[in-house]
Amino acid sequence: MSRLLVDTHALLWWLTDDPGLSAAAREALAEPANDVLVSAASIWEIAIKRALGKLTAPDDLPARIEAQGFDWLAVNAEHAWRVRELPAHHRDPFDRLLVAQCLVEQLPIVSADPRFGAYGVDARW
């Protein structure tokens, strides 16, 4: 079994069966032996972008995520504090928090974003 954090875009693509999701990412998320984690930061990002009209997401998004069998990864103080040590490879505050969570929890991330690798995070795509 492997624990994996799923990036926000990969999560949305999984939920909508978007063809942009790579075969390797789809396989990793579908593997029953994997513990797929969704960060509270991703839900926060989706909520903000939905409120701004930048994306659409269903009202019952958290329930849909849980129905997939995915688990939640809360943001804790150690995750938030770790962000201060990150080099400026990425300006997106949500992605920087996901990087910090990966580093603290020693998790790979399912993401198409190549900048995660610059932080030493194992990106699965």
N, C-alpha and C. Protein backbone atom coordinates (compact mmCIF):
# COMPACT_ATOMS: atom_id res chain seq x y z
N MET A 1 0.84 -1.19 0.00
CA MET A 1 0.00 0.00 0.00
C MET A 1 0.88 1.24 0.00
N SER A 2 0.44 2.24 -0.72
CA SER A 2 1.16 3.50 -0.80
C SER A 2 0.20 4.64 -0.46
N ARG A 3 0.70 5.60 0.29
CA ARG A 3 -0.08 6.81 0.56
C ARG A 3 0.29 7.84 -0.49
N LEU A 4 -0.72 8.47 -1.09
CA LEU A 4 -0.51 9.45 -2.15
C LEU A 4 -1.34 10.70 -1.86
N LEU A 5 -0.75 11.85 -2.09
CA LEU A 5 -1.52 13.09 -2.04
C LEU A 5 -1.92 13.42 -3.47
N VAL A 6 -3.13 13.85 -3.67
CA VAL A 6 -3.59 14.19 -5.02
C VAL A 6 -3.67 15.71 -5.14
N ASP A 7 -3.07 16.24 -6.20
CA ASP A 7 -3.09 17.67 -6.47
C ASP A 7 -4.52 18.06 -6.88
N THR A 8 -4.83 19.34 -6.72
CA THR A 8 -6.19 19.83 -6.95
C THR A 8 -6.66 19.54 -8.37
N HIS A 9 -5.85 19.85 -9.37
CA HIS A 9 -6.29 19.63 -10.75
C HIS A 9 -6.49 18.14 -11.04
N ALA A 10 -5.61 17.30 -10.51
CA ALA A 10 -5.75 15.86 -10.73
C ALA A 10 -7.01 15.34 -10.06
N LEU A 11 -7.33 15.86 -8.89
CA LEU A 11 -8.57 15.48 -8.21
C LEU A 11 -9.78 15.82 -9.05
N LEU A 12 -9.83 17.04 -9.54
CA LEU A 12 -10.98 17.46 -10.36
C LEU A 12 -11.06 16.66 -11.65
N TRP A 13 -9.92 16.38 -12.26
CA TRP A 13 -9.92 15.58 -13.48
C TRP A 13 -10.39 14.16 -13.20
N TRP A 14 -10.00 13.60 -12.06
CA TRP A 14 -10.46 12.26 -11.67
C TRP A 14 -11.98 12.25 -11.52
N LEU A 15 -12.49 13.24 -10.80
CA LEU A 15 -13.93 13.28 -10.52
C LEU A 15 -14.78 13.49 -11.77
N THR A 16 -14.22 14.15 -12.78
CA THR A 16 -14.97 14.42 -14.01
C THR A 16 -14.57 13.49 -15.15
N ASP A 17 -13.71 12.52 -14.85
CA ASP A 17 -13.21 11.58 -15.86
C ASP A 17 -12.61 12.32 -17.06
N ASP A 18 -11.86 13.36 -16.76
CA ASP A 18 -11.24 14.18 -17.79
C ASP A 18 -10.12 13.40 -18.47
N PRO A 19 -10.07 13.44 -19.81
CA PRO A 19 -9.01 12.72 -20.51
C PRO A 19 -7.62 13.32 -20.30
N GLY A 20 -7.53 14.50 -19.70
CA GLY A 20 -6.23 15.09 -19.40
C GLY A 20 -5.48 14.36 -18.29
N LEU A 21 -6.19 13.54 -17.53
CA LEU A 21 -5.56 12.76 -16.47
C LEU A 21 -4.76 11.64 -17.11
N SER A 22 -3.48 11.57 -16.82
CA SER A 22 -2.62 10.56 -17.45
C SER A 22 -3.03 9.15 -17.03
N ALA A 23 -2.64 8.19 -17.83
CA ALA A 23 -2.94 6.79 -17.52
C ALA A 23 -2.29 6.37 -16.21
N ALA A 24 -1.05 6.81 -15.97
CA ALA A 24 -0.35 6.45 -14.73
C ALA A 24 -1.04 7.07 -13.52
N ALA A 25 -1.49 8.31 -13.65
CA ALA A 25 -2.20 8.97 -12.55
C ALA A 25 -3.52 8.27 -12.29
N ARG A 26 -4.24 7.96 -13.35
CA ARG A 26 -5.53 7.27 -13.22
C ARG A 26 -5.33 5.92 -12.51
N GLU A 27 -4.29 5.21 -12.90
CA GLU A 27 -4.01 3.90 -12.29
C GLU A 27 -3.68 4.04 -10.80
N ALA A 28 -2.87 5.04 -10.47
CA ALA A 28 -2.49 5.25 -9.07
C ALA A 28 -3.71 5.58 -8.21
N LEU A 29 -4.60 6.41 -8.73
CA LEU A 29 -5.79 6.80 -7.97
C LEU A 29 -6.81 5.68 -7.87
N ALA A 30 -6.84 4.81 -8.86
CA ALA A 30 -7.80 3.71 -8.88
C ALA A 30 -7.34 2.49 -8.10
N GLU A 31 -6.04 2.40 -7.83
CA GLU A 31 -5.49 1.22 -7.15
C GLU A 31 -6.06 1.12 -5.74
N PRO A 32 -6.83 0.05 -5.45
CA PRO A 32 -7.45 -0.08 -4.13
C PRO A 32 -6.44 -0.15 -2.97
N ALA A 33 -5.23 -0.60 -3.24
CA ALA A 33 -4.22 -0.71 -2.19
C ALA A 33 -3.64 0.65 -1.80
N ASN A 34 -3.86 1.68 -2.64
CA ASN A 34 -3.33 3.01 -2.34
C ASN A 34 -4.27 3.78 -1.44
N ASP A 35 -3.70 4.50 -0.50
CA ASP A 35 -4.46 5.40 0.36
C ASP A 35 -4.32 6.79 -0.26
N VAL A 36 -5.37 7.23 -0.96
CA VAL A 36 -5.35 8.52 -1.65
C VAL A 36 -5.83 9.60 -0.69
N LEU A 37 -5.00 10.62 -0.52
CA LEU A 37 -5.30 11.71 0.40
C LEU A 37 -5.61 12.99 -0.36
N VAL A 38 -6.60 13.72 0.12
CA VAL A 38 -6.97 15.02 -0.43
C VAL A 38 -6.73 16.04 0.67
N SER A 39 -5.91 17.03 0.36
CA SER A 39 -5.59 18.06 1.34
C SER A 39 -6.76 19.01 1.54
N ALA A 40 -6.93 19.45 2.77
CA ALA A 40 -7.90 20.50 3.05
C ALA A 40 -7.56 21.75 2.23
N ALA A 41 -6.28 21.94 1.91
CA ALA A 41 -5.87 23.08 1.10
C ALA A 41 -6.49 23.02 -0.30
N SER A 42 -6.66 21.82 -0.84
CA SER A 42 -7.27 21.68 -2.17
C SER A 42 -8.74 22.07 -2.13
N ILE A 43 -9.43 21.67 -1.07
CA ILE A 43 -10.85 22.03 -0.95
C ILE A 43 -10.98 23.54 -0.79
N TRP A 44 -10.09 24.13 -0.02
CA TRP A 44 -10.07 25.58 0.15
C TRP A 44 -9.83 26.27 -1.18
N GLU A 45 -8.85 25.78 -1.95
CA GLU A 45 -8.55 26.35 -3.26
C GLU A 45 -9.76 26.27 -4.19
N ILE A 46 -10.40 25.12 -4.23
CA ILE A 46 -11.58 24.95 -5.09
C ILE A 46 -12.70 25.89 -4.66
N ALA A 47 -12.93 26.00 -3.35
CA ALA A 47 -13.99 26.88 -2.85
C ALA A 47 -13.74 28.33 -3.25
N ILE A 48 -12.50 28.78 -3.12
CA ILE A 48 -12.17 30.16 -3.48
C ILE A 48 -12.35 30.38 -4.98
N LYS A 49 -11.80 29.47 -5.78
CA LYS A 49 -11.88 29.65 -7.24
C LYS A 49 -13.32 29.52 -7.74
N ARG A 50 -14.11 28.67 -7.09
CA ARG A 50 -15.52 28.56 -7.46
C ARG A 50 -16.25 29.86 -7.13
N ALA A 51 -16.00 30.42 -5.96
CA ALA A 51 -16.64 31.67 -5.56
C ALA A 51 -16.27 32.82 -6.50
N LEU A 52 -15.06 32.78 -7.06
CA LEU A 52 -14.61 33.82 -7.99
C LEU A 52 -15.07 33.56 -9.42
N GLY A 53 -15.74 32.41 -9.64
CA GLY A 53 -16.20 32.07 -10.98
C GLY A 53 -15.12 31.52 -11.89
N LYS A 54 -13.99 31.08 -11.31
CA LYS A 54 -12.87 30.57 -12.11
C LYS A 54 -13.00 29.09 -12.43
N LEU A 55 -13.86 28.39 -11.71
CA LEU A 55 -14.11 26.98 -12.02
C LEU A 55 -15.46 26.58 -11.47
N THR A 56 -15.93 25.44 -11.95
CA THR A 56 -17.19 24.91 -11.46
C THR A 56 -16.89 23.68 -10.61
N ALA A 57 -17.66 23.51 -9.58
CA ALA A 57 -17.55 22.35 -8.71
C ALA A 57 -18.92 22.14 -8.08
N PRO A 58 -19.28 20.90 -7.86
CA PRO A 58 -20.61 20.63 -7.30
C PRO A 58 -20.71 21.06 -5.83
N ASP A 59 -21.93 21.36 -5.40
CA ASP A 59 -22.16 21.74 -4.00
C ASP A 59 -21.77 20.63 -3.04
N ASP A 60 -21.89 19.40 -3.49
CA ASP A 60 -21.59 18.25 -2.62
C ASP A 60 -20.19 17.69 -2.86
N LEU A 61 -19.26 18.55 -3.23
CA LEU A 61 -17.89 18.10 -3.55
C LEU A 61 -17.26 17.25 -2.46
N PRO A 62 -17.27 17.67 -1.20
CA PRO A 62 -16.65 16.81 -0.17
C PRO A 62 -17.28 15.41 -0.11
N ALA A 63 -18.57 15.33 -0.25
CA ALA A 63 -19.24 14.01 -0.23
C ALA A 63 -18.83 13.18 -1.44
N ARG A 64 -18.67 13.81 -2.58
CA ARG A 64 -18.25 13.08 -3.78
C ARG A 64 -16.82 12.54 -3.63
N ILE A 65 -15.99 13.32 -2.98
CA ILE A 65 -14.61 12.89 -2.74
C ILE A 65 -14.60 11.69 -1.79
N GLU A 66 -15.37 11.78 -0.74
CA GLU A 66 -15.46 10.67 0.22
C GLU A 66 -16.04 9.42 -0.44
N ALA A 67 -16.99 9.60 -1.36
CA ALA A 67 -17.59 8.46 -2.06
C ALA A 67 -16.56 7.72 -2.91
N GLN A 68 -15.50 8.40 -3.29
CA GLN A 68 -14.42 7.77 -4.06
C GLN A 68 -13.52 6.92 -3.17
N GLY A 69 -13.72 7.04 -1.86
CA GLY A 69 -12.87 6.31 -0.92
C GLY A 69 -11.61 7.05 -0.56
N PHE A 70 -11.50 8.31 -0.96
CA PHE A 70 -10.33 9.11 -0.64
C PHE A 70 -10.43 9.60 0.81
N ASP A 71 -9.27 9.82 1.41
CA ASP A 71 -9.20 10.30 2.79
C ASP A 71 -8.74 11.75 2.80
N TRP A 72 -8.97 12.40 3.94
CA TRP A 72 -8.60 13.81 4.10
C TRP A 72 -7.24 13.94 4.76
N LEU A 73 -6.49 14.94 4.32
CA LEU A 73 -5.25 15.32 4.99
C LEU A 73 -5.45 16.75 5.48
N ALA A 74 -5.59 16.88 6.78
CA ALA A 74 -5.76 18.21 7.38
C ALA A 74 -4.46 19.00 7.26
N VAL A 75 -4.59 20.29 7.27
CA VAL A 75 -3.42 21.17 7.32
C VAL A 75 -3.12 21.42 8.79
N ASN A 76 -1.92 21.07 9.22
CA ASN A 76 -1.55 21.32 10.61
C ASN A 76 -0.44 22.36 10.69
N ALA A 77 -0.09 22.72 11.89
CA ALA A 77 0.91 23.78 12.09
C ALA A 77 2.26 23.41 11.48
N GLU A 78 2.66 22.15 11.58
CA GLU A 78 3.94 21.73 11.00
C GLU A 78 3.95 21.91 9.49
N HIS A 79 2.84 21.59 8.83
CA HIS A 79 2.74 21.79 7.38
C HIS A 79 2.87 23.28 7.05
N ALA A 80 2.10 24.09 7.73
CA ALA A 80 2.10 25.53 7.45
C ALA A 80 3.47 26.15 7.72
N TRP A 81 4.14 25.73 8.79
CA TRP A 81 5.44 26.29 9.14
C TRP A 81 6.53 25.86 8.17
N ARG A 82 6.39 24.68 7.61
CA ARG A 82 7.40 24.17 6.66
C ARG A 82 7.47 25.03 5.40
N VAL A 83 6.39 25.69 5.05
CA VAL A 83 6.36 26.55 3.86
C VAL A 83 7.46 27.61 3.91
N ARG A 84 7.82 28.07 5.10
CA ARG A 84 8.82 29.13 5.23
C ARG A 84 10.18 28.71 4.70
N GLU A 85 10.46 27.40 4.65
CA GLU A 85 11.76 26.89 4.22
C GLU A 85 11.84 26.64 2.71
N LEU A 86 10.72 26.74 2.03
CA LEU A 86 10.69 26.37 0.61
C LEU A 86 11.31 27.45 -0.26
N PRO A 87 12.17 27.03 -1.21
CA PRO A 87 12.67 27.99 -2.19
C PRO A 87 11.51 28.48 -3.07
N ALA A 88 11.73 29.54 -3.78
CA ALA A 88 10.66 30.17 -4.57
C ALA A 88 10.49 29.55 -5.96
N HIS A 89 10.45 28.24 -6.04
CA HIS A 89 10.21 27.59 -7.33
C HIS A 89 8.77 27.80 -7.79
N HIS A 90 7.91 28.11 -6.87
CA HIS A 90 6.47 28.16 -7.14
C HIS A 90 5.88 29.30 -6.34
N ARG A 91 5.00 30.08 -6.96
CA ARG A 91 4.40 31.21 -6.27
C ARG A 91 2.99 30.90 -5.75
N ASP A 92 2.38 29.85 -6.26
CA ASP A 92 1.01 29.51 -5.86
C ASP A 92 0.99 29.05 -4.40
N PRO A 93 0.29 29.78 -3.53
CA PRO A 93 0.30 29.41 -2.11
C PRO A 93 -0.32 28.05 -1.82
N PHE A 94 -1.29 27.64 -2.60
CA PHE A 94 -1.91 26.33 -2.39
C PHE A 94 -0.92 25.22 -2.74
N ASP A 95 -0.24 25.36 -3.87
CA ASP A 95 0.73 24.35 -4.26
C ASP A 95 1.91 24.31 -3.29
N ARG A 96 2.31 25.46 -2.78
CA ARG A 96 3.41 25.50 -1.81
C ARG A 96 3.02 24.75 -0.54
N LEU A 97 1.75 24.87 -0.14
CA LEU A 97 1.30 24.13 1.03
C LEU A 97 1.26 22.63 0.74
N LEU A 98 0.85 22.25 -0.47
CA LEU A 98 0.86 20.83 -0.83
C LEU A 98 2.29 20.29 -0.82
N VAL A 99 3.23 21.07 -1.31
CA VAL A 99 4.65 20.67 -1.27
C VAL A 99 5.07 20.43 0.18
N ALA A 100 4.74 21.38 1.05
CA ALA A 100 5.12 21.24 2.46
C ALA A 100 4.49 19.99 3.06
N GLN A 101 3.24 19.72 2.73
CA GLN A 101 2.59 18.51 3.25
C GLN A 101 3.30 17.26 2.76
N CYS A 102 3.67 17.24 1.49
CA CYS A 102 4.40 16.09 0.94
C CYS A 102 5.73 15.88 1.66
N LEU A 103 6.44 16.96 1.91
CA LEU A 103 7.74 16.86 2.57
C LEU A 103 7.61 16.40 4.02
N VAL A 104 6.67 16.98 4.74
CA VAL A 104 6.49 16.62 6.15
C VAL A 104 6.00 15.19 6.28
N GLU A 105 5.02 14.82 5.46
CA GLU A 105 4.40 13.49 5.57
C GLU A 105 5.12 12.43 4.74
N GLN A 106 6.13 12.85 3.98
CA GLN A 106 6.88 11.95 3.09
C GLN A 106 5.94 11.24 2.11
N LEU A 107 5.20 12.06 1.36
CA LEU A 107 4.21 11.56 0.42
C LEU A 107 4.60 11.92 -1.01
N PRO A 108 4.36 11.02 -1.95
CA PRO A 108 4.40 11.42 -3.36
C PRO A 108 3.10 12.16 -3.69
N ILE A 109 3.11 12.90 -4.77
CA ILE A 109 1.91 13.62 -5.18
C ILE A 109 1.52 13.21 -6.59
N VAL A 110 0.23 13.08 -6.83
CA VAL A 110 -0.28 12.82 -8.17
C VAL A 110 -0.55 14.19 -8.78
N SER A 111 0.31 14.60 -9.71
CA SER A 111 0.23 15.94 -10.28
C SER A 111 0.96 16.01 -11.62
N ALA A 112 0.42 16.83 -12.49
CA ALA A 112 1.08 17.10 -13.77
C ALA A 112 2.06 18.26 -13.66
N ASP A 113 2.09 18.93 -12.53
CA ASP A 113 2.92 20.11 -12.35
C ASP A 113 4.39 19.70 -12.16
N PRO A 114 5.26 20.04 -13.11
CA PRO A 114 6.66 19.63 -13.02
C PRO A 114 7.43 20.35 -11.92
N ARG A 115 6.89 21.43 -11.37
CA ARG A 115 7.61 22.20 -10.35
C ARG A 115 7.70 21.47 -9.01
N PHE A 116 6.85 20.46 -8.78
CA PHE A 116 6.94 19.71 -7.53
C PHE A 116 8.30 19.01 -7.42
N GLY A 117 8.80 18.53 -8.53
CA GLY A 117 10.09 17.85 -8.53
C GLY A 117 11.24 18.74 -8.08
N ALA A 118 11.14 20.03 -8.34
CA ALA A 118 12.19 20.96 -7.94
C ALA A 118 12.34 21.03 -6.42
N TYR A 119 11.31 20.62 -5.71
CA TYR A 119 11.35 20.60 -4.24
C TYR A 119 11.76 19.24 -3.69
N GLY A 120 12.02 18.30 -4.58
CA GLY A 120 12.38 16.97 -4.14
C GLY A 120 11.17 16.08 -3.85
N VAL A 121 9.99 16.51 -4.31
CA VAL A 121 8.77 15.73 -4.12
C VAL A 121 8.63 14.78 -5.30
N ASP A 122 8.27 13.54 -5.01
CA ASP A 122 8.05 12.53 -6.04
C ASP A 122 6.66 12.77 -6.65
N ALA A 123 6.64 13.27 -7.90
CA ALA A 123 5.39 13.52 -8.59
C ALA A 123 5.08 12.34 -9.49
N ARG A 124 3.89 11.81 -9.35
CA ARG A 124 3.44 10.68 -10.16
C ARG A 124 2.51 11.19 -11.25
N TRP A 125 2.91 11.01 -12.48
CA TRP A 125 2.05 11.42 -13.59
C TRP A 125 2.27 10.48 -14.75
